Amino acid sequence: MRMRGERLRVFSGTAHPRLAQDICSFMGVPLGAASLQRFPDGEINLKVECDVRGADVFVVQPTSPNVHEHLFELLSFADCLRRASADRITAVIPYFGYARKDRKDEGRVPINAKLVANMLVTAGYDRVVTVDLHAAQIQGFFDIPVDHLYARPVMIERVRQLGANNIKIVSPDIGGTKLARAYAKDLGCDLAIIDKRRISGEKTVIEHIIGEVEGHDVVLVDDMVSTGGSIVDAARIVKEKGANKVFLVATHGVLAGNAVERLNKADVEKILFADTIPLQDRPLESLEVVSMAQLLARAIDRIHRSESVSMLFESER
C-alpha cells in the first residue's frame, strides 16, 4: 500500500508551473525539484533533482501553447523518470493537444491524436489524466488507463454566480450539443443550438438557431476556444435574435491567432475559461479564470490511493 506523500512526487514542465504548484498546495506536498533548460539550438536538457526510485510520479503538463515543445518535455520526463526507477508514471495533461485530429476526415492525412497517444505510451507513461477531451473516443487510442475528467462541475458553480436571469444554454455548433445539454440539465434550463457550416480551419458560416433565445440571458458553452471565430459569431447572432446578456463559458482557452482581439470586440458580459492552459498574461477583457487545481489534486490523490476517480463525478451523472 502506497503512503500518501512519502512516495508521491509531482513534477511540472514549463507549460503551466503555476497550475502544478496550485495542485501541490491542495495536496499538501512539495512540487518535485527538476531543472529543465535548453541548449542554444533549442534541445532540452532535463534533470530530476530528487529521488524517485519506487515513487508514484505525476507530471503536470498541458500541451499548449507551444504544443511541440511542451509535448517533447512531457516525453522527456517519462524517459528520465523510467530510467530513474520510478514505480509508476502518470501524465497529467489538462489540455490534450491534437485532440481535434482524431480521425481521417479526408484522404492522405494523419491521425495525430493517435500518434501522440503512441508516443506517450512508448516513452514510458503508465497512465494519463486529462480534462474535457475534444473527442472522448481518444481514450481508446491508448493501451494504458486514461482518466477523463470533466470541468463542468467546477465551471457550473461559477455560472450559478453570474447573476444571469432566464438563462438559456446555447451550443455554438451541433458537435457541442452533448456538453451544452449537460450544462442545461445542471441549471434546470432549456437548450438552443446554432447550426453552423465550417468552410476552413478559421472560417465558419452560421445557418440558423435551433431554439428560442429572445428575452433570455444566454450562456454560450464550448469545450475550447481556439481562434474565437465560431463563438464570437455565435454571440453576435444570439444578440441579433434578441438575447439580453451573453456569457461565454469554455474549458480550454487556446486563443490562437487573433482570438484575443476578436473576443475583446464581442458583445459579451463575462468570459469564463478554466486554467487548463496558462492565461494570466493574456490581455483579454472580461476574462475570469476558473481553477481546475482542486479537481486535479483530488484525482491525483485518488489514483495514488488506488481509489475510483469516477466517484468524483457520481453526483453529476
Protein backbone atom coordinates (compact mmCIF):
# COMPACT_ATOMS: atom_id res chain seq x y z
CA MET A 1 0.00 0.00 0.00
CA ARG A 2 1.42 3.37 -1.02
CA MET A 3 1.69 6.00 1.71
CA ARG A 4 0.43 9.41 0.69
CA GLY A 5 3.21 11.96 0.24
CA GLU A 6 6.02 9.61 1.24
CA ARG A 7 6.45 8.10 -2.23
CA LEU A 8 4.30 10.56 -4.17
CA ARG A 9 6.06 13.00 -6.47
CA VAL A 10 4.53 15.75 -8.60
CA PHE A 11 6.59 17.47 -11.28
CA SER A 12 5.90 20.26 -13.75
CA GLY A 13 7.21 21.05 -17.19
CA THR A 14 7.46 24.64 -18.37
CA ALA A 15 3.94 24.77 -19.85
CA HIS A 16 1.98 25.59 -16.67
CA PRO A 17 4.06 25.55 -13.46
CA ARG A 18 1.50 27.70 -11.64
CA LEU A 19 -1.20 25.06 -12.04
CA ALA A 20 1.20 22.35 -10.86
CA GLN A 21 2.09 24.42 -7.79
CA ASP A 22 -1.61 25.01 -7.03
CA ILE A 23 -2.26 21.26 -7.28
CA CYS A 24 0.58 20.58 -4.84
CA SER A 25 -0.75 23.22 -2.45
CA PHE A 26 -4.15 21.49 -2.34
CA MET A 27 -2.47 18.12 -1.77
CA GLY A 28 -0.03 19.37 0.85
CA VAL A 29 3.01 18.02 -0.99
CA PRO A 30 6.02 19.90 -2.39
CA LEU A 31 6.49 20.31 -6.13
CA GLY A 32 9.23 17.94 -7.26
CA ALA A 33 12.60 19.55 -7.95
CA ALA A 34 13.69 19.39 -11.57
CA SER A 35 15.81 21.57 -13.83
CA LEU A 36 14.68 21.98 -17.41
CA GLN A 37 16.90 24.09 -19.60
CA ARG A 38 17.59 24.42 -23.30
CA PHE A 39 20.78 24.35 -25.27
CA PRO A 40 21.38 27.21 -27.74
CA ASP A 41 19.96 25.08 -30.56
CA GLY A 42 16.72 24.50 -28.61
CA GLU A 43 17.37 20.94 -27.44
CA ILE A 44 16.03 20.07 -23.97
CA ASN A 45 18.32 19.44 -21.02
CA LEU A 46 16.24 17.85 -18.24
CA LYS A 47 17.36 16.60 -14.84
CA VAL A 48 15.18 15.43 -11.96
CA GLU A 49 16.81 16.71 -8.79
CA CYS A 50 15.18 14.42 -6.21
CA ASP A 51 14.97 10.68 -5.60
CA VAL A 52 12.08 8.98 -7.43
CA ARG A 53 13.09 5.31 -7.03
CA GLY A 54 9.91 3.35 -6.31
CA ALA A 55 7.80 6.54 -6.33
CA ASP A 56 4.33 7.17 -7.74
CA VAL A 57 5.08 10.11 -10.06
CA PHE A 58 2.74 12.61 -11.74
CA VAL A 59 3.93 15.05 -14.41
CA VAL A 60 1.66 18.09 -14.94
CA GLN A 61 1.97 19.48 -18.46
CA PRO A 62 -0.70 20.76 -20.87
CA THR A 63 0.48 20.62 -24.46
CA SER A 64 -0.26 24.28 -25.19
CA PRO A 65 0.51 27.00 -26.11
CA ASN A 66 3.72 25.56 -27.65
CA VAL A 67 2.41 22.11 -28.45
CA HIS A 68 5.55 20.53 -29.91
CA GLU A 69 7.92 21.96 -27.31
CA HIS A 70 5.69 21.03 -24.41
CA LEU A 71 4.93 17.59 -25.79
CA PHE A 72 8.62 16.77 -26.09
CA GLU A 73 9.18 17.94 -22.50
CA LEU A 74 6.45 15.52 -21.44
CA LEU A 75 8.09 12.68 -23.35
CA SER A 76 11.49 13.54 -21.89
CA PHE A 77 10.10 13.41 -18.34
CA ALA A 78 8.80 9.88 -18.92
CA ASP A 79 12.16 8.63 -20.20
CA CYS A 80 14.02 10.36 -17.37
CA LEU A 81 11.74 9.01 -14.65
CA ARG A 82 11.68 5.49 -16.06
CA ARG A 83 15.48 5.40 -16.12
CA ALA A 84 15.47 6.71 -12.53
CA SER A 85 13.38 3.66 -11.45
CA ALA A 86 10.06 5.39 -10.72
CA ASP A 87 7.37 2.82 -9.87
CA ARG A 88 4.52 4.39 -11.85
CA ILE A 89 4.46 7.48 -14.08
CA THR A 90 1.26 9.38 -14.84
CA ALA A 91 0.95 12.18 -17.37
CA VAL A 92 -1.45 14.87 -16.16
CA ILE A 93 -2.39 16.68 -19.37
CA PRO A 94 -5.08 19.27 -18.58
CA TYR A 95 -5.25 20.23 -22.25
CA PHE A 96 -4.52 17.44 -24.74
CA GLY A 97 -3.18 18.95 -27.95
CA TYR A 98 -4.07 17.41 -31.33
CA ALA A 99 -7.38 16.16 -29.93
CA ARG A 100 -9.13 17.61 -32.98
CA LYS A 101 -7.15 15.29 -35.24
CA ASP A 102 -8.93 12.15 -34.05
CA ARG A 103 -9.91 10.68 -37.43
CA LYS A 104 -9.24 10.81 -41.15
CA ASP A 105 -11.71 13.43 -42.34
CA GLU A 106 -10.22 13.33 -45.84
CA GLY A 107 -7.71 11.27 -47.77
CA ARG A 108 -3.96 11.25 -47.08
CA VAL A 109 -3.99 12.88 -43.64
CA PRO A 110 -2.59 11.60 -40.31
CA ILE A 111 -4.50 10.83 -37.13
CA ASN A 112 -2.26 12.89 -34.88
CA ALA A 113 -4.20 12.20 -31.69
CA LYS A 114 -3.36 8.52 -32.08
CA LEU A 115 0.26 9.37 -32.87
CA VAL A 116 0.54 11.40 -29.65
CA ALA A 117 -1.03 8.54 -27.66
CA ASN A 118 1.51 6.11 -29.12
CA MET A 119 4.42 8.39 -28.25
CA LEU A 120 3.29 8.84 -24.64
CA VAL A 121 2.95 5.09 -24.11
CA THR A 122 6.25 4.33 -25.82
CA ALA A 123 8.02 6.98 -23.75
CA GLY A 124 7.03 5.14 -20.59
CA TYR A 125 3.82 6.58 -19.17
CA ASP A 126 1.62 4.13 -17.26
CA ARG A 127 -1.46 6.33 -17.05
CA VAL A 128 -2.92 9.58 -18.40
CA VAL A 129 -5.17 12.15 -16.72
CA THR A 130 -6.80 14.78 -18.91
CA VAL A 131 -9.69 17.25 -18.86
CA ASP A 132 -12.52 17.60 -21.40
CA LEU A 133 -11.05 15.83 -24.41
CA HIS A 134 -12.35 17.37 -27.62
CA ALA A 135 -13.17 13.84 -28.79
CA ALA A 136 -13.87 11.41 -25.93
CA GLN A 137 -13.05 8.39 -28.08
CA ILE A 138 -9.37 9.35 -27.89
CA GLN A 139 -9.31 7.37 -24.63
CA GLY A 140 -9.42 4.28 -26.83
CA PHE A 141 -6.24 5.33 -28.63
CA PHE A 142 -4.24 4.46 -25.51
CA ASP A 143 -3.20 0.99 -24.34
CA ILE A 144 -2.94 2.34 -20.79
CA PRO A 145 -5.64 3.69 -18.43
CA VAL A 146 -6.96 7.19 -19.19
CA ASP A 147 -8.85 9.19 -16.57
CA HIS A 148 -11.04 11.69 -18.42
CA LEU A 149 -12.06 14.46 -16.02
CA TYR A 150 -14.92 16.89 -16.58
CA ALA A 151 -14.55 20.60 -15.90
CA ARG A 152 -18.32 21.16 -15.87
CA PRO A 153 -18.90 20.57 -12.12
CA VAL A 154 -16.34 23.28 -11.33
CA MET A 155 -17.42 25.69 -14.07
CA ILE A 156 -21.12 25.31 -13.27
CA GLU A 157 -20.62 26.63 -9.73
CA ARG A 158 -19.25 29.88 -11.15
CA VAL A 159 -22.00 30.05 -13.79
CA ARG A 160 -24.58 29.98 -11.00
CA GLN A 161 -22.94 33.08 -9.50
CA LEU A 162 -23.07 35.16 -12.69
CA GLY A 163 -26.39 36.75 -11.83
CA ALA A 164 -27.94 35.73 -15.14
CA ASN A 165 -31.73 35.65 -15.40
CA ASN A 166 -34.00 33.45 -17.51
CA ILE A 167 -30.93 31.51 -18.68
CA LYS A 168 -30.77 29.71 -22.00
CA ILE A 169 -27.74 27.49 -22.64
CA VAL A 170 -26.59 27.70 -26.25
CA SER A 171 -24.20 25.40 -28.10
CA PRO A 172 -22.24 27.22 -30.82
CA ASP A 173 -22.40 24.11 -33.05
CA ILE A 174 -24.09 20.74 -33.37
CA GLY A 175 -20.98 18.92 -32.13
CA GLY A 176 -21.17 20.63 -28.74
CA THR A 177 -24.77 19.63 -28.08
CA LYS A 178 -23.95 16.92 -25.53
CA LEU A 179 -21.85 19.28 -23.40
CA ALA A 180 -24.42 22.08 -23.64
CA ARG A 181 -27.23 19.69 -22.71
CA ALA A 182 -25.31 18.68 -19.58
CA TYR A 183 -24.99 22.34 -18.56
CA ALA A 184 -28.69 22.92 -19.26
CA LYS A 185 -29.63 19.90 -17.13
CA ASP A 186 -27.49 21.13 -14.23
CA LEU A 187 -29.03 24.59 -14.39
CA GLY A 188 -32.57 23.34 -15.00
CA CYS A 189 -32.99 25.43 -18.14
CA ASP A 190 -33.60 24.97 -21.85
CA LEU A 191 -31.08 24.48 -24.65
CA ALA A 192 -30.63 26.10 -28.05
CA ILE A 193 -28.20 25.08 -30.79
CA ILE A 194 -26.54 27.12 -33.51
CA ASP A 195 -26.27 25.31 -36.82
CA LYS A 196 -23.01 26.28 -38.50
CA ARG A 197 -21.08 25.09 -41.52
CA ARG A 198 -17.29 25.05 -41.42
CA ILE A 199 -15.57 26.39 -44.53
CA SER A 200 -11.98 26.17 -43.29
CA GLY A 201 -9.98 25.85 -40.06
CA GLU A 202 -10.61 29.53 -39.32
CA LYS A 203 -13.92 30.33 -41.04
CA THR A 204 -17.45 29.13 -40.40
CA VAL A 205 -20.87 30.20 -41.64
CA ILE A 206 -23.81 30.22 -39.22
CA GLU A 207 -27.01 28.99 -40.81
CA HIS A 208 -29.69 29.39 -38.13
CA ILE A 209 -30.59 28.80 -34.46
CA ILE A 210 -32.49 25.75 -33.31
CA GLY A 211 -34.45 27.11 -30.36
CA GLU A 212 -35.53 30.48 -28.98
CA VAL A 213 -33.15 32.99 -27.34
CA GLU A 214 -35.18 36.19 -27.40
CA GLY A 215 -35.55 37.66 -23.91
CA HIS A 216 -33.06 35.23 -22.38
CA ASP A 217 -29.64 35.67 -20.81
CA VAL A 218 -27.56 33.34 -22.96
CA VAL A 219 -24.67 31.21 -21.74
CA LEU A 220 -22.62 30.02 -24.73
CA VAL A 221 -20.85 26.78 -23.80
CA ASP A 222 -17.97 25.05 -25.60
CA ASP A 223 -15.07 22.76 -24.73
CA MET A 224 -12.46 25.08 -26.27
CA VAL A 225 -12.00 28.45 -27.91
CA SER A 226 -9.21 28.45 -30.49
CA THR A 227 -9.40 31.32 -32.99
CA GLY A 228 -12.60 32.58 -31.40
CA GLY A 229 -14.40 32.84 -34.74
CA SER A 230 -17.24 30.41 -34.02
CA ILE A 231 -18.08 31.56 -30.52
CA VAL A 232 -17.85 35.27 -31.38
CA ASP A 233 -20.16 34.74 -34.37
CA ALA A 234 -22.49 32.81 -32.07
CA ALA A 235 -22.50 35.71 -29.56
CA ARG A 236 -23.33 38.15 -32.34
CA ILE A 237 -26.18 36.11 -33.75
CA VAL A 238 -27.90 35.43 -30.40
CA LYS A 239 -27.82 39.18 -29.72
CA GLU A 240 -29.35 39.79 -33.15
CA LYS A 241 -32.05 37.26 -32.26
CA GLY A 242 -32.99 39.18 -29.12
CA ALA A 243 -30.83 37.74 -26.32
CA ASN A 244 -30.34 40.06 -23.33
CA LYS A 245 -26.89 39.36 -21.86
CA VAL A 246 -24.36 36.92 -23.30
CA PHE A 247 -21.79 34.95 -21.28
CA LEU A 248 -19.06 32.75 -22.78
CA VAL A 249 -18.00 29.59 -20.93
CA ALA A 250 -15.32 27.20 -22.17
CA THR A 251 -12.84 24.80 -20.63
CA HIS A 252 -9.78 25.43 -22.81
CA GLY A 253 -8.80 28.95 -23.82
CA VAL A 254 -6.40 28.09 -26.65
CA LEU A 255 -6.68 31.64 -28.06
CA ALA A 256 -4.76 31.17 -31.28
CA GLY A 257 -4.15 33.85 -33.89
CA ASN A 258 -6.20 37.00 -33.33
CA ALA A 259 -8.63 35.34 -30.91
CA VAL A 260 -7.97 37.86 -28.12
CA GLU A 261 -8.77 40.78 -30.44
CA ARG A 262 -11.97 39.08 -31.61
CA LEU A 263 -13.13 38.29 -28.09
CA ASN A 264 -12.39 41.81 -26.85
CA LYS A 265 -14.69 43.18 -29.58
CA ALA A 266 -17.50 40.72 -28.80
CA ASP A 267 -20.64 42.00 -27.08
CA VAL A 268 -20.40 39.76 -24.00
CA GLU A 269 -20.70 40.34 -20.26
CA LYS A 270 -18.18 37.80 -18.99
CA ILE A 271 -15.81 35.15 -20.33
CA LEU A 272 -15.07 32.10 -18.17
CA PHE A 273 -12.15 29.84 -19.06
CA ALA A 274 -10.60 27.07 -16.98
CA ASP A 275 -6.87 27.27 -16.22
CA THR A 276 -6.03 24.12 -18.19
CA ILE A 277 -3.88 26.44 -20.33
CA PRO A 278 -1.99 29.40 -18.79
CA LEU A 279 -3.97 32.61 -19.35
CA GLN A 280 -2.60 35.03 -16.78
CA ASP A 281 -0.70 37.13 -19.32
CA ARG A 282 -3.40 37.30 -21.98
CA PRO A 283 -4.87 40.85 -22.33
CA LEU A 284 -8.43 39.56 -22.54
CA GLU A 285 -11.09 41.87 -21.15
CA SER A 286 -13.99 40.40 -19.17
CA LEU A 287 -11.97 37.21 -18.57
CA GLU A 288 -12.28 35.23 -15.36
CA VAL A 289 -10.09 32.15 -14.94
CA VAL A 290 -11.63 29.21 -13.07
CA SER A 291 -9.12 26.94 -11.32
CA MET A 292 -9.03 23.21 -12.01
CA ALA A 293 -6.31 22.66 -9.40
CA GLN A 294 -8.54 21.19 -6.70
CA LEU A 295 -10.25 18.81 -9.14
CA LEU A 296 -6.89 17.60 -10.47
CA ALA A 297 -5.48 17.30 -6.94
CA ARG A 298 -8.41 15.12 -5.88
CA ALA A 299 -7.98 12.94 -8.96
CA ILE A 300 -4.24 12.52 -8.34
CA ASP A 301 -4.88 11.66 -4.70
CA ARG A 302 -7.45 9.01 -5.66
CA ILE A 303 -5.14 7.47 -8.24
CA HIS A 304 -2.30 7.41 -5.72
CA ARG A 305 -4.55 5.67 -3.18
CA SER A 306 -5.88 3.23 -5.83
CA GLU A 307 -9.40 4.65 -5.40
CA SER A 308 -12.06 5.28 -8.01
CA VAL A 309 -11.66 8.52 -9.98
CA SER A 310 -15.15 8.23 -11.45
CA MET A 311 -16.55 8.68 -7.93
CA LEU A 312 -15.62 12.35 -8.25
CA PHE A 313 -18.47 12.71 -10.75
CA GLU A 314 -21.06 10.29 -9.40
CA SER A 315 -23.32 13.11 -8.24
CA GLU A 316 -23.13 14.65 -11.72
CA ARG A 317 -24.44 11.63 -13.61
